[in-house]
PDB file of all heavy atoms in Angstrom:
ATOM      1  N   SER A   1      -2.136 -24.297  15.935  1.00  0.00           N
ATOM      2  CA  SER A   1      -3.018 -25.165  15.149  1.00  0.00           C
ATOM      3  C   SER A   1      -3.794 -24.381  14.098  1.00  0.00           C
ATOM      4  O   SER A   1      -4.034 -24.856  12.975  1.00  0.00           O
ATOM      5  CB  SER A   1      -4.010 -25.917  16.064  1.00  0.00           C
ATOM      6  OG  SER A   1      -4.837 -25.018  16.779  1.00  0.00           O
ATOM      7  N   LYS A   2      -4.194 -23.156  14.442  1.00  0.00           N
ATOM      8  CA  LYS A   2      -4.948 -22.351  13.479  1.00  0.00           C
ATOM      9  C   LYS A   2      -4.054 -21.942  12.288  1.00  0.00           C
ATOM     10  O   LYS A   2      -4.498 -21.899  11.152  1.00  0.00           O
ATOM     11  CB  LYS A   2      -5.493 -21.086  14.153  1.00  0.00           C
ATOM     12  CG  LYS A   2      -6.816 -21.296  14.882  1.00  0.00           C
ATOM     13  CD  LYS A   2      -7.912 -21.712  13.890  1.00  0.00           C
ATOM     14  CE  LYS A   2      -9.207 -21.980  14.596  1.00  0.00           C
ATOM     15  NZ  LYS A   2     -10.240 -22.442  13.631  1.00  0.00           N
ATOM     16  N   VAL A   3      -2.793 -21.646  12.568  1.00  0.00           N
ATOM     17  CA  VAL A   3      -1.861 -21.270  11.488  1.00  0.00           C
ATOM     18  C   VAL A   3      -1.663 -22.463  10.541  1.00  0.00           C
ATOM     19  O   VAL A   3      -1.621 -22.302   9.324  1.00  0.00           O
ATOM     20  CB  VAL A   3      -0.514 -20.793  12.068  1.00  0.00           C
ATOM     21  CG1 VAL A   3       0.538 -20.603  10.951  1.00  0.00           C
ATOM     22  CG2 VAL A   3      -0.696 -19.488  12.839  1.00  0.00           C
ATOM     23  N   LEU A   4      -1.569 -23.651  11.106  1.00  0.00           N
ATOM     24  CA  LEU A   4      -1.358 -24.847  10.263  1.00  0.00           C
ATOM     25  C   LEU A   4      -2.582 -25.206   9.420  1.00  0.00           C
ATOM     26  O   LEU A   4      -2.452 -25.887   8.426  1.00  0.00           O
ATOM     27  CB  LEU A   4      -0.994 -26.038  11.181  1.00  0.00           C
ATOM     28  CG  LEU A   4       0.343 -25.967  11.923  1.00  0.00           C
ATOM     29  CD1 LEU A   4       0.533 -27.204  12.808  1.00  0.00           C
ATOM     30  CD2 LEU A   4       1.496 -25.844  10.923  1.00  0.00           C
ATOM     31  N   GLU A   5      -3.761 -24.749   9.853  1.00  0.00           N
ATOM     32  CA  GLU A   5      -4.991 -25.019   9.081  1.00  0.00           C
ATOM     33  C   GLU A   5      -5.087 -24.227   7.814  1.00  0.00           C
ATOM     34  O   GLU A   5      -5.785 -24.618   6.878  1.00  0.00           O
ATOM     35  CB  GLU A   5      -6.213 -24.744   9.945  1.00  0.00           C
ATOM     36  CG  GLU A   5      -6.531 -25.796  10.980  1.00  0.00           C
ATOM     37  CD  GLU A   5      -7.772 -25.476  11.790  1.00  0.00           C
ATOM     38  OE1 GLU A   5      -8.430 -24.472  11.455  1.00  0.00           O
ATOM     39  OE2 GLU A   5      -8.106 -26.227  12.712  1.00  0.00           O
ATOM     40  N   ILE A   6      -4.387 -23.104   7.744  1.00  0.00           N
ATOM     41  CA  ILE A   6      -4.490 -22.210   6.563  1.00  0.00           C
ATOM     42  C   ILE A   6      -3.901 -22.895   5.342  1.00  0.00           C
ATOM     43  O   ILE A   6      -2.775 -23.406   5.367  1.00  0.00           O
ATOM     44  CB  ILE A   6      -3.734 -20.889   6.831  1.00  0.00           C
ATOM     45  CG1 ILE A   6      -4.310 -20.188   8.069  1.00  0.00           C
ATOM     46  CG2 ILE A   6      -3.864 -19.952   5.649  1.00  0.00           C
ATOM     47  CD1 ILE A   6      -3.482 -19.030   8.529  1.00  0.00           C
ATOM     48  N   VAL A   7      -4.617 -22.883   4.252  1.00  0.00           N
ATOM     49  CA  VAL A   7      -4.147 -23.481   3.033  1.00  0.00           C
ATOM     50  C   VAL A   7      -3.059 -22.606   2.415  1.00  0.00           C
ATOM     51  O   VAL A   7      -1.996 -23.089   2.087  1.00  0.00           O
ATOM     52  CB  VAL A   7      -5.303 -23.645   2.030  1.00  0.00           C
ATOM     53  CG1 VAL A   7      -4.807 -24.218   0.707  1.00  0.00           C
ATOM     54  CG2 VAL A   7      -6.399 -24.545   2.631  1.00  0.00           C
ATOM     55  N   SER A   8      -3.341 -21.336   2.263  1.00  0.00           N
ATOM     56  CA  SER A   8      -2.347 -20.416   1.650  1.00  0.00           C
ATOM     57  C   SER A   8      -2.613 -18.986   2.128  1.00  0.00           C
ATOM     58  O   SER A   8      -3.665 -18.421   1.898  1.00  0.00           O
ATOM     59  CB  SER A   8      -2.432 -20.467   0.137  1.00  0.00           C
ATOM     60  OG  SER A   8      -1.664 -19.463  -0.439  1.00  0.00           O
ATOM     61  N   PHE A   9      -1.598 -18.421   2.802  1.00  0.00           N
ATOM     62  CA  PHE A   9      -1.713 -17.013   3.251  1.00  0.00           C
ATOM     63  C   PHE A   9      -1.814 -16.081   2.073  1.00  0.00           C
ATOM     64  O   PHE A   9      -2.617 -15.122   2.055  1.00  0.00           O
ATOM     65  CB  PHE A   9      -0.467 -16.630   4.100  1.00  0.00           C
ATOM     66  CG  PHE A   9      -0.674 -16.823   5.557  1.00  0.00           C
ATOM     67  CD1 PHE A   9      -0.008 -17.796   6.240  1.00  0.00           C
ATOM     68  CD2 PHE A   9      -1.539 -15.999   6.251  1.00  0.00           C
ATOM     69  CE1 PHE A   9      -0.173 -17.998   7.604  1.00  0.00           C
ATOM     70  CE2 PHE A   9      -1.704 -16.144   7.616  1.00  0.00           C
ATOM     71  CZ  PHE A   9      -1.040 -17.159   8.286  1.00  0.00           C
ATOM     72  N   THR A  10      -0.997 -16.340   1.061  1.00  0.00           N
ATOM     73  CA  THR A  10      -0.952 -15.446  -0.125  1.00  0.00           C
ATOM     74  C   THR A  10      -2.296 -15.399  -0.844  1.00  0.00           C
ATOM     75  O   THR A  10      -2.815 -14.355  -1.188  1.00  0.00           O
ATOM     76  CB  THR A  10       0.129 -15.935  -1.114  1.00  0.00           C
ATOM     77  OG1 THR A  10       1.376 -16.060  -0.437  1.00  0.00           O
ATOM     78  CG2 THR A  10       0.287 -14.940  -2.260  1.00  0.00           C
ATOM     79  N   GLU A  11      -2.852 -16.589  -1.071  1.00  0.00           N
ATOM     80  CA  GLU A  11      -4.145 -16.669  -1.767  1.00  0.00           C
ATOM     81  C   GLU A  11      -5.265 -16.003  -0.940  1.00  0.00           C
ATOM     82  O   GLU A  11      -6.109 -15.271  -1.448  1.00  0.00           O
ATOM     83  CB  GLU A  11      -4.508 -18.106  -2.047  1.00  0.00           C
ATOM     84  CG  GLU A  11      -5.810 -18.283  -2.788  1.00  0.00           C
ATOM     85  CD  GLU A  11      -6.159 -19.747  -3.042  1.00  0.00           C
ATOM     86  OE1 GLU A  11      -5.261 -20.613  -2.867  1.00  0.00           O
ATOM     87  OE2 GLU A  11      -7.305 -20.035  -3.406  1.00  0.00           O
ATOM     88  N   MET A  12      -5.228 -16.271   0.385  1.00  0.00           N
ATOM     89  CA  MET A  12      -6.250 -15.740   1.278  1.00  0.00           C
ATOM     90  C   MET A  12      -6.234 -14.187   1.287  1.00  0.00           C
ATOM     91  O   MET A  12      -7.257 -13.562   1.096  1.00  0.00           O
ATOM     92  CB  MET A  12      -6.017 -16.254   2.717  1.00  0.00           C
ATOM     93  CG  MET A  12      -6.976 -15.740   3.752  1.00  0.00           C
ATOM     94  SD  MET A  12      -6.566 -16.317   5.426  1.00  0.00           S
ATOM     95  CE  MET A  12      -5.154 -15.236   5.799  1.00  0.00           C
ATOM     96  N   VAL A  13      -5.037 -13.632   1.493  1.00  0.00           N
ATOM     97  CA  VAL A  13      -4.931 -12.181   1.576  1.00  0.00           C
ATOM     98  C   VAL A  13      -5.076 -11.551   0.192  1.00  0.00           C
ATOM     99  O   VAL A  13      -5.599 -10.444   0.053  1.00  0.00           O
ATOM    100  CB  VAL A  13      -3.586 -11.781   2.239  1.00  0.00           C
ATOM    101  CG1 VAL A  13      -3.423 -10.273   2.235  1.00  0.00           C
ATOM    102  CG2 VAL A  13      -3.513 -12.334   3.644  1.00  0.00           C
ATOM    103  N   GLY A  14      -4.613 -12.285  -0.845  1.00  0.00           N
ATOM    104  CA  GLY A  14      -4.695 -11.718  -2.196  1.00  0.00           C
ATOM    105  C   GLY A  14      -6.113 -11.505  -2.652  1.00  0.00           C
ATOM    106  O   GLY A  14      -6.433 -10.476  -3.233  1.00  0.00           O
ATOM    107  N   GLN A  15      -7.001 -12.470  -2.398  1.00  0.00           N
ATOM    108  CA  GLN A  15      -8.384 -12.365  -2.850  1.00  0.00           C
ATOM    109  C   GLN A  15      -9.196 -11.391  -2.008  1.00  0.00           C
ATOM    110  O   GLN A  15     -10.032 -10.655  -2.539  1.00  0.00           O
ATOM    111  CB  GLN A  15      -9.011 -13.738  -2.826  1.00  0.00           C
ATOM    112  CG  GLN A  15      -8.525 -14.698  -3.922  1.00  0.00           C
ATOM    113  CD  GLN A  15      -9.299 -16.008  -3.879  1.00  0.00           C
ATOM    114  OE1 GLN A  15      -9.780 -16.435  -2.854  1.00  0.00           O
ATOM    115  NE2 GLN A  15      -9.417 -16.634  -5.049  1.00  0.00           N
ATOM    116  N   LEU A  16      -8.945 -11.406  -0.697  1.00  0.00           N
ATOM    117  CA  LEU A  16      -9.793 -10.601   0.191  1.00  0.00           C
ATOM    118  C   LEU A  16      -8.978  -9.536   0.899  1.00  0.00           C
ATOM    119  O   LEU A  16      -9.330  -9.107   1.993  1.00  0.00           O
ATOM    120  CB  LEU A  16     -10.438 -11.538   1.225  1.00  0.00           C
ATOM    121  CG  LEU A  16     -11.421 -12.569   0.667  1.00  0.00           C
ATOM    122  CD1 LEU A  16     -11.722 -13.634   1.679  1.00  0.00           C
ATOM    123  CD2 LEU A  16     -12.723 -11.900   0.212  1.00  0.00           C
ATOM    124  N   GLY A  17      -7.886  -9.139   0.270  1.00  0.00           N
ATOM    125  CA  GLY A  17      -6.982  -8.172   0.897  1.00  0.00           C
ATOM    126  C   GLY A  17      -7.641  -6.875   1.282  1.00  0.00           C
ATOM    127  O   GLY A  17      -7.467  -6.415   2.432  1.00  0.00           O
ATOM    128  N   MET A  18      -8.393  -6.240   0.379  1.00  0.00           N
ATOM    129  CA  MET A  18      -8.992  -4.937   0.676  1.00  0.00           C
ATOM    130  C   MET A  18     -10.086  -5.061   1.761  1.00  0.00           C
ATOM    131  O   MET A  18     -10.236  -4.169   2.604  1.00  0.00           O
ATOM    132  CB  MET A  18      -9.587  -4.306  -0.577  1.00  0.00           C
ATOM    133  CG  MET A  18      -8.522  -3.820  -1.559  1.00  0.00           C
ATOM    134  SD  MET A  18      -7.314  -2.693  -0.803  1.00  0.00           S
ATOM    135  CE  MET A  18      -8.387  -1.322  -0.277  1.00  0.00           C
ATOM    136  N   TYR A  19     -10.801  -6.164   1.731  1.00  0.00           N
ATOM    137  CA  TYR A  19     -11.815  -6.414   2.768  1.00  0.00           C
ATOM    138  C   TYR A  19     -11.153  -6.580   4.101  1.00  0.00           C
ATOM    139  O   TYR A  19     -11.568  -5.987   5.118  1.00  0.00           O
ATOM    140  CB  TYR A  19     -12.623  -7.656   2.400  1.00  0.00           C
ATOM    141  CG  TYR A  19     -13.437  -8.217   3.555  1.00  0.00           C
ATOM    142  CD1 TYR A  19     -14.551  -7.589   4.014  1.00  0.00           C
ATOM    143  CD2 TYR A  19     -13.036  -9.407   4.190  1.00  0.00           C
ATOM    144  CE1 TYR A  19     -15.282  -8.102   5.099  1.00  0.00           C
ATOM    145  CE2 TYR A  19     -13.770  -9.940   5.232  1.00  0.00           C
ATOM    146  CZ  TYR A  19     -14.891  -9.296   5.685  1.00  0.00           C
ATOM    147  OH  TYR A  19     -15.617  -9.786   6.735  1.00  0.00           O
ATOM    148  N   PHE A  20     -10.080  -7.360   4.147  1.00  0.00           N
ATOM    149  CA  PHE A  20      -9.305  -7.601   5.396  1.00  0.00           C
ATOM    150  C   PHE A  20      -8.759  -6.293   5.937  1.00  0.00           C
ATOM    151  O   PHE A  20      -8.889  -6.016   7.139  1.00  0.00           O
ATOM    152  CB  PHE A  20      -8.173  -8.577   5.120  1.00  0.00           C
ATOM    153  CG  PHE A  20      -7.382  -8.966   6.312  1.00  0.00           C
ATOM    154  CD1 PHE A  20      -7.755 -10.013   7.124  1.00  0.00           C
ATOM    155  CD2 PHE A  20      -6.221  -8.257   6.667  1.00  0.00           C
ATOM    156  CE1 PHE A  20      -7.012 -10.392   8.240  1.00  0.00           C
ATOM    157  CE2 PHE A  20      -5.503  -8.592   7.777  1.00  0.00           C
ATOM    158  CZ  PHE A  20      -5.895  -9.656   8.568  1.00  0.00           C
ATOM    159  N   ILE A  21      -8.193  -5.494   5.069  1.00  0.00           N
ATOM    160  CA  ILE A  21      -7.613  -4.199   5.482  1.00  0.00           C
ATOM    161  C   ILE A  21      -8.704  -3.279   6.011  1.00  0.00           C
ATOM    162  O   ILE A  21      -8.534  -2.568   7.008  1.00  0.00           O
ATOM    163  CB  ILE A  21      -6.841  -3.545   4.300  1.00  0.00           C
ATOM    164  CG1 ILE A  21      -5.585  -4.354   3.969  1.00  0.00           C
ATOM    165  CG2 ILE A  21      -6.492  -2.076   4.611  1.00  0.00           C
ATOM    166  CD1 ILE A  21      -4.919  -3.902   2.684  1.00  0.00           C
ATOM    167  N   THR A  22      -9.863  -3.249   5.352  1.00  0.00           N
ATOM    168  CA  THR A  22     -10.947  -2.377   5.778  1.00  0.00           C
ATOM    169  C   THR A  22     -11.444  -2.741   7.161  1.00  0.00           C
ATOM    170  O   THR A  22     -11.637  -1.859   8.008  1.00  0.00           O
ATOM    171  CB  THR A  22     -12.130  -2.440   4.782  1.00  0.00           C
ATOM    172  OG1 THR A  22     -11.689  -2.145   3.462  1.00  0.00           O
ATOM    173  CG2 THR A  22     -13.254  -1.477   5.174  1.00  0.00           C
ATOM    174  N   VAL A  23     -11.652  -4.033   7.444  1.00  0.00           N
ATOM    175  CA  VAL A  23     -12.107  -4.459   8.742  1.00  0.00           C
ATOM    176  C   VAL A  23     -11.039  -4.157   9.799  1.00  0.00           C
ATOM    177  O   VAL A  23     -11.364  -3.661  10.896  1.00  0.00           O
ATOM    178  CB  VAL A  23     -12.451  -5.968   8.753  1.00  0.00           C
ATOM    179  CG1 VAL A  23     -12.814  -6.434  10.153  1.00  0.00           C
ATOM    180  CG2 VAL A  23     -13.590  -6.254   7.826  1.00  0.00           C
ATOM    181  N   MET A  24      -9.776  -4.454   9.496  1.00  0.00           N
ATOM    182  CA  MET A  24      -8.700  -4.224  10.452  1.00  0.00           C
ATOM    183  C   MET A  24      -8.557  -2.722  10.780  1.00  0.00           C
ATOM    184  O   MET A  24      -8.352  -2.341  11.938  1.00  0.00           O
ATOM    185  CB  MET A  24      -7.361  -4.762   9.922  1.00  0.00           C
ATOM    186  CG  MET A  24      -7.241  -6.263  10.001  1.00  0.00           C
ATOM    187  SD  MET A  24      -7.300  -6.866  11.739  1.00  0.00           S
ATOM    188  CE  MET A  24      -5.926  -5.997  12.425  1.00  0.00           C
ATOM    189  N   LEU A  25      -8.684  -1.901   9.724  1.00  0.00           N
ATOM    190  CA  LEU A  25      -8.606  -0.458   9.933  1.00  0.00           C
ATOM    191  C   LEU A  25      -9.739   0.008  10.833  1.00  0.00           C
ATOM    192  O   LEU A  25      -9.516   0.839  11.754  1.00  0.00           O
ATOM    193  CB  LEU A  25      -8.645   0.260   8.586  1.00  0.00           C
ATOM    194  CG  LEU A  25      -8.544   1.800   8.588  1.00  0.00           C
ATOM    195  CD1 LEU A  25      -7.176   2.222   9.156  1.00  0.00           C
ATOM    196  CD2 LEU A  25      -8.715   2.354   7.200  1.00  0.00           C
ATOM    197  N   GLY A  26     -10.930  -0.526  10.615  1.00  0.00           N
ATOM    198  CA  GLY A  26     -12.081  -0.163  11.450  1.00  0.00           C
ATOM    199  C   GLY A  26     -11.866  -0.557  12.904  1.00  0.00           C
ATOM    200  O   GLY A  26     -12.158   0.189  13.822  1.00  0.00           O
ATOM    201  N   LEU A  27     -11.356  -1.806  13.110  1.00  0.00           N
ATOM    202  CA  LEU A  27     -11.142  -2.279  14.469  1.00  0.00           C
ATOM    203  C   LEU A  27     -10.064  -1.412  15.187  1.00  0.00           C
ATOM    204  O   LEU A  27     -10.227  -1.126  16.386  1.00  0.00           O
ATOM    205  CB  LEU A  27     -10.692  -3.740  14.426  1.00  0.00           C
ATOM    206  CG  LEU A  27     -11.769  -4.744  13.965  1.00  0.00           C
ATOM    207  CD1 LEU A  27     -11.148  -6.167  13.863  1.00  0.00           C
ATOM    208  CD2 LEU A  27     -12.968  -4.774  14.906  1.00  0.00           C
ATOM    209  N   LEU A  28      -9.033  -1.075  14.466  1.00  0.00           N
ATOM    210  CA  LEU A  28      -7.973  -0.255  15.095  1.00  0.00           C
ATOM    211  C   LEU A  28      -8.460   1.130  15.449  1.00  0.00           C
ATOM    212  O   LEU A  28      -8.190   1.650  16.525  1.00  0.00           O
ATOM    213  CB  LEU A  28      -6.754  -0.168  14.132  1.00  0.00           C
ATOM    214  CG  LEU A  28      -5.901  -1.457  14.025  1.00  0.00           C
ATOM    215  CD1 LEU A  28      -4.833  -1.294  12.953  1.00  0.00           C
ATOM    216  CD2 LEU A  28      -5.262  -1.781  15.349  1.00  0.00           C
ATOM    217  N   ILE A  29      -9.193   1.746  14.529  1.00  0.00           N
ATOM    218  CA  ILE A  29      -9.732   3.105  14.767  1.00  0.00           C
ATOM    219  C   ILE A  29     -10.689   3.048  15.933  1.00  0.00           C
ATOM    220  O   ILE A  29     -10.671   3.927  16.819  1.00  0.00           O
ATOM    221  CB  ILE A  29     -10.411   3.672  13.504  1.00  0.00           C
ATOM    222  CG1 ILE A  29      -9.386   3.912  12.412  1.00  0.00           C
ATOM    223  CG2 ILE A  29     -11.151   4.964  13.858  1.00  0.00           C
ATOM    224  CD1 ILE A  29      -9.983   4.354  11.101  1.00  0.00           C
ATOM    225  N   HIS A  30     -11.546   2.039  15.962  1.00  0.00           N
ATOM    226  CA  HIS A  30     -12.539   1.942  17.048  1.00  0.00           C
ATOM    227  C   HIS A  30     -11.863   1.654  18.391  1.00  0.00           C
ATOM    228  O   HIS A  30     -12.179   2.326  19.409  1.00  0.00           O
ATOM    229  CB  HIS A  30     -13.549   0.843  16.747  1.00  0.00           C
ATOM    230  CG  HIS A  30     -14.656   0.756  17.743  1.00  0.00           C
ATOM    231  ND1 HIS A  30     -15.624   1.712  17.855  1.00  0.00           N
ATOM    232  CD2 HIS A  30     -14.948  -0.184  18.682  1.00  0.00           C
ATOM    233  CE1 HIS A  30     -16.449   1.380  18.821  1.00  0.00           C
ATOM    234  NE2 HIS A  30     -16.059   0.236  19.348  1.00  0.00           N
ATOM    235  N   GLY A  31     -10.904   0.707  18.363  1.00  0.00           N
ATOM    236  CA  GLY A  31     -10.277   0.290  19.643  1.00  0.00           C
ATOM    237  C   GLY A  31      -9.331   1.316  20.194  1.00  0.00           C
ATOM    238  O   GLY A  31      -9.258   1.498  21.422  1.00  0.00           O
ATOM    239  N   LEU A  32      -8.608   2.023  19.331  1.00  0.00           N
ATOM    240  CA  LEU A  32      -7.589   2.977  19.803  1.00  0.00           C
ATOM    241  C   LEU A  32      -8.012   4.396  19.624  1.00  0.00           C
ATOM    242  O   LEU A  32      -7.251   5.310  19.975  1.00  0.00           O
ATOM    243  CB  LEU A  32      -6.259   2.705  19.091  1.00  0.00           C
ATOM    244  CG  LEU A  32      -5.683   1.289  19.305  1.00  0.00           C
ATOM    245  CD1 LEU A  32      -4.388   1.113  18.519  1.00  0.00           C
ATOM    246  CD2 LEU A  32      -5.422   1.022  20.788  1.00  0.00           C
TER     247      LEU A  32
END
């Protein structure tokens, strides 16, 4: 249901791509 709620993956990642990558990188470094 959450995947179906997304309007556009491309637009979402395109606008906030670097922010998304920064948070994900931080979570991976912290968790692993």
